[in-house]
Amino acid sequence: MHNLWKPVERRLAYKWIRLYFRHQQDDYPLALLDAARGLMVDLLEQGYDRTLSSCENELHKCFLDAAKGKTRHAGRIGAETRLPASLLRGTRPQPHRTKT
């Protein structure tokens, strides 16, 4: 059985997806797997235990959320929390720059 992601955990996931998008224009872009590793470390520091594959799946969902422009709910139906749209700030994919 899987545990649903809490709002605190999801906020950290959006933080890492922002970093992922920000560093896509670098010479050596941040890989989604590396972002998942960073998310897993942040979660462990906060006292949450998630596997690497769980973190990678959550980041992929956050990536899809950013493409849609809206956040998902966190928690169970009836007791869910609507995450603020401000979490998406900086998560839109940026156009690639051309090197000259």
C-alpha atoms as a PDB file:
ATOM      1  CA  MET A   1       0.000   0.000   0.000  1.00  0.00           C
ATOM      2  CA  HIS A   2       1.323   3.430  -0.862  1.00  0.00           C
ATOM      3  CA  ASN A   3       1.108   6.540   1.280  1.00  0.00           C
ATOM      4  CA  LEU A   4      -0.318   9.700  -0.239  1.00  0.00           C
ATOM      5  CA  TRP A   5       2.019  12.670  -0.466  1.00  0.00           C
ATOM      6  CA  LYS A   6       1.419  15.309   2.184  1.00  0.00           C
ATOM      7  CA  PRO A   7       1.352  19.029   1.271  1.00  0.00           C
ATOM      8  CA  VAL A   8       4.801  19.541   2.831  1.00  0.00           C
ATOM      9  CA  GLU A   9       6.254  16.750   0.708  1.00  0.00           C
ATOM     10  CA  ARG A  10       4.592  18.035  -2.449  1.00  0.00           C
ATOM     11  CA  ARG A  11       5.925  21.557  -1.817  1.00  0.00           C
ATOM     12  CA  LEU A  12       9.437  20.116  -1.732  1.00  0.00           C
ATOM     13  CA  ALA A  13       8.731  18.264  -4.990  1.00  0.00           C
ATOM     14  CA  TYR A  14       7.673  21.527  -6.670  1.00  0.00           C
ATOM     15  CA  LYS A  15      10.854  23.139  -5.344  1.00  0.00           C
ATOM     16  CA  TRP A  16      12.933  20.476  -7.062  1.00  0.00           C
ATOM     17  CA  ILE A  17      10.992  20.642 -10.321  1.00  0.00           C
ATOM     18  CA  ARG A  18      11.662  24.405 -10.367  1.00  0.00           C
ATOM     19  CA  LEU A  19      15.378  23.668  -9.994  1.00  0.00           C
ATOM     20  CA  TYR A  20      15.085  21.066 -12.745  1.00  0.00           C
ATOM     21  CA  PHE A  21      13.586  23.607 -15.165  1.00  0.00           C
ATOM     22  CA  ARG A  22      15.987  26.364 -14.131  1.00  0.00           C
ATOM     23  CA  HIS A  23      19.031  24.226 -14.897  1.00  0.00           C
ATOM     24  CA  GLN A  24      17.865  22.845 -18.241  1.00  0.00           C
ATOM     25  CA  GLN A  25      19.636  25.714 -20.010  1.00  0.00           C
ATOM     26  CA  ASP A  26      22.995  24.954 -18.408  1.00  0.00           C
ATOM     27  CA  ASP A  27      25.830  23.277 -20.268  1.00  0.00           C
ATOM     28  CA  TYR A  28      25.264  20.240 -18.062  1.00  0.00           C
ATOM     29  CA  PRO A  29      21.513  20.226 -17.306  1.00  0.00           C
ATOM     30  CA  LEU A  30      20.124  18.748 -14.124  1.00  0.00           C
ATOM     31  CA  ALA A  31      18.750  15.266 -14.816  1.00  0.00           C
ATOM     32  CA  LEU A  32      15.344  14.293 -13.438  1.00  0.00           C
ATOM     33  CA  LEU A  33      16.972  11.407 -11.564  1.00  0.00           C
ATOM     34  CA  ASP A  34      19.396  13.817  -9.870  1.00  0.00           C
ATOM     35  CA  ALA A  35      16.477  16.068  -8.920  1.00  0.00           C
ATOM     36  CA  ALA A  36      14.728  13.000  -7.474  1.00  0.00           C
ATOM     37  CA  ARG A  37      17.818  12.219  -5.405  1.00  0.00           C
ATOM     38  CA  GLY A  38      17.844  15.785  -4.082  1.00  0.00           C
ATOM     39  CA  LEU A  39      14.138  15.544  -3.261  1.00  0.00           C
ATOM     40  CA  MET A  40      14.696  12.265  -1.430  1.00  0.00           C
ATOM     41  CA  VAL A  41      17.456  13.837   0.686  1.00  0.00           C
ATOM     42  CA  ASP A  42      15.269  16.859   1.506  1.00  0.00           C
ATOM     43  CA  LEU A  43      12.428  14.556   2.496  1.00  0.00           C
ATOM     44  CA  LEU A  44      14.699  12.475   4.735  1.00  0.00           C
ATOM     45  CA  GLU A  45      15.934  15.655   6.437  1.00  0.00           C
ATOM     46  CA  GLN A  46      12.289  16.606   7.105  1.00  0.00           C
ATOM     47  CA  GLY A  47      11.540  13.147   8.540  1.00  0.00           C
ATOM     48  CA  TYR A  48       9.679  11.650   5.540  1.00  0.00           C
ATOM     49  CA  ASP A  49      10.707   8.301   4.116  1.00  0.00           C
ATOM     50  CA  ARG A  50      10.228   7.939   0.339  1.00  0.00           C
ATOM     51  CA  THR A  51      11.980   5.705  -2.156  1.00  0.00           C
ATOM     52  CA  LEU A  52      13.935   7.069  -5.093  1.00  0.00           C
ATOM     53  CA  SER A  53      11.385   5.730  -7.576  1.00  0.00           C
ATOM     54  CA  SER A  54       8.569   7.360  -5.598  1.00  0.00           C
ATOM     55  CA  CYS A  55      10.402  10.691  -5.719  1.00  0.00           C
ATOM     56  CA  GLU A  56      11.050  10.317  -9.433  1.00  0.00           C
ATOM     57  CA  ASN A  57       7.368   9.523 -10.086  1.00  0.00           C
ATOM     58  CA  GLU A  58       6.248  12.521  -8.044  1.00  0.00           C
ATOM     59  CA  LEU A  59       8.606  14.827  -9.938  1.00  0.00           C
ATOM     60  CA  HIS A  60       7.242  13.506 -13.215  1.00  0.00           C
ATOM     61  CA  LYS A  61       3.714  14.314 -12.015  1.00  0.00           C
ATOM     62  CA  CYS A  62       4.870  17.809 -11.002  1.00  0.00           C
ATOM     63  CA  PHE A  63       6.396  18.182 -14.472  1.00  0.00           C
ATOM     64  CA  LEU A  64       3.001  17.367 -16.008  1.00  0.00           C
ATOM     65  CA  ASP A  65       1.284  19.761 -13.577  1.00  0.00           C
ATOM     66  CA  ALA A  66       3.569  22.571 -14.680  1.00  0.00           C
ATOM     67  CA  ALA A  67       2.673  21.891 -18.309  1.00  0.00           C
ATOM     68  CA  LYS A  68      -1.030  22.179 -17.409  1.00  0.00           C
ATOM     69  CA  GLY A  69      -0.433  25.243 -15.240  1.00  0.00           C
ATOM     70  CA  LYS A  70      -2.236  24.031 -12.127  1.00  0.00           C
ATOM     71  CA  THR A  71      -1.299  22.171  -8.967  1.00  0.00           C
ATOM     72  CA  ARG A  72      -2.845  18.964  -7.700  1.00  0.00           C
ATOM     73  CA  HIS A  73      -4.606  18.320  -4.425  1.00  0.00           C
ATOM     74  CA  ALA A  74      -2.664  16.736  -1.593  1.00  0.00           C
ATOM     75  CA  GLY A  75      -4.220  14.270   0.851  1.00  0.00           C
ATOM     76  CA  ARG A  76      -7.355  12.172   0.897  1.00  0.00           C
ATOM     77  CA  ILE A  77     -10.675  13.208  -0.605  1.00  0.00           C
ATOM     78  CA  GLY A  78     -12.630  15.202   1.954  1.00  0.00           C
ATOM     79  CA  ALA A  79      -9.498  16.167   3.867  1.00  0.00           C
ATOM     80  CA  GLU A  80      -7.446  17.275   0.870  1.00  0.00           C
ATOM     81  CA  THR A  81      -5.447  20.448   0.703  1.00  0.00           C
ATOM     82  CA  ARG A  82      -5.425  22.582  -2.416  1.00  0.00           C
ATOM     83  CA  LEU A  83      -1.869  23.715  -2.976  1.00  0.00           C
ATOM     84  CA  PRO A  84      -1.487  27.379  -3.961  1.00  0.00           C
ATOM     85  CA  ALA A  85      -0.792  28.240  -7.583  1.00  0.00           C
ATOM     86  CA  SER A  86       2.279  30.173  -6.436  1.00  0.00           C
ATOM     87  CA  LEU A  87       4.033  26.809  -6.098  1.00  0.00           C
ATOM     88  CA  LEU A  88       4.082  26.641  -9.883  1.00  0.00           C
ATOM     89  CA  ARG A  89       5.967  29.928 -10.207  1.00  0.00           C
ATOM     90  CA  GLY A  90       9.152  29.173 -12.114  1.00  0.00           C
ATOM     91  CA  THR A  91       8.085  25.701 -13.195  1.00  0.00           C
ATOM     92  CA  ARG A  92       7.210  26.501 -16.803  1.00  0.00           C
ATOM     93  CA  PRO A  93       9.649  24.985 -19.293  1.00  0.00           C
ATOM     94  CA  GLN A  94      11.900  27.707 -20.689  1.00  0.00           C
ATOM     95  CA  PRO A  95      12.835  27.825 -24.373  1.00  0.00           C
ATOM     96  CA  HIS A  96      16.327  26.547 -25.062  1.00  0.00           C
ATOM     97  CA  ARG A  97      18.889  29.191 -25.765  1.00  0.00           C
ATOM     98  CA  THR A  98      21.035  28.895 -28.832  1.00  0.00           C
ATOM     99  CA  LYS A  99      24.773  28.960 -28.458  1.00  0.00           C
ATOM    100  CA  THR A 100      26.626  31.340 -30.734  1.00  0.00           C
END
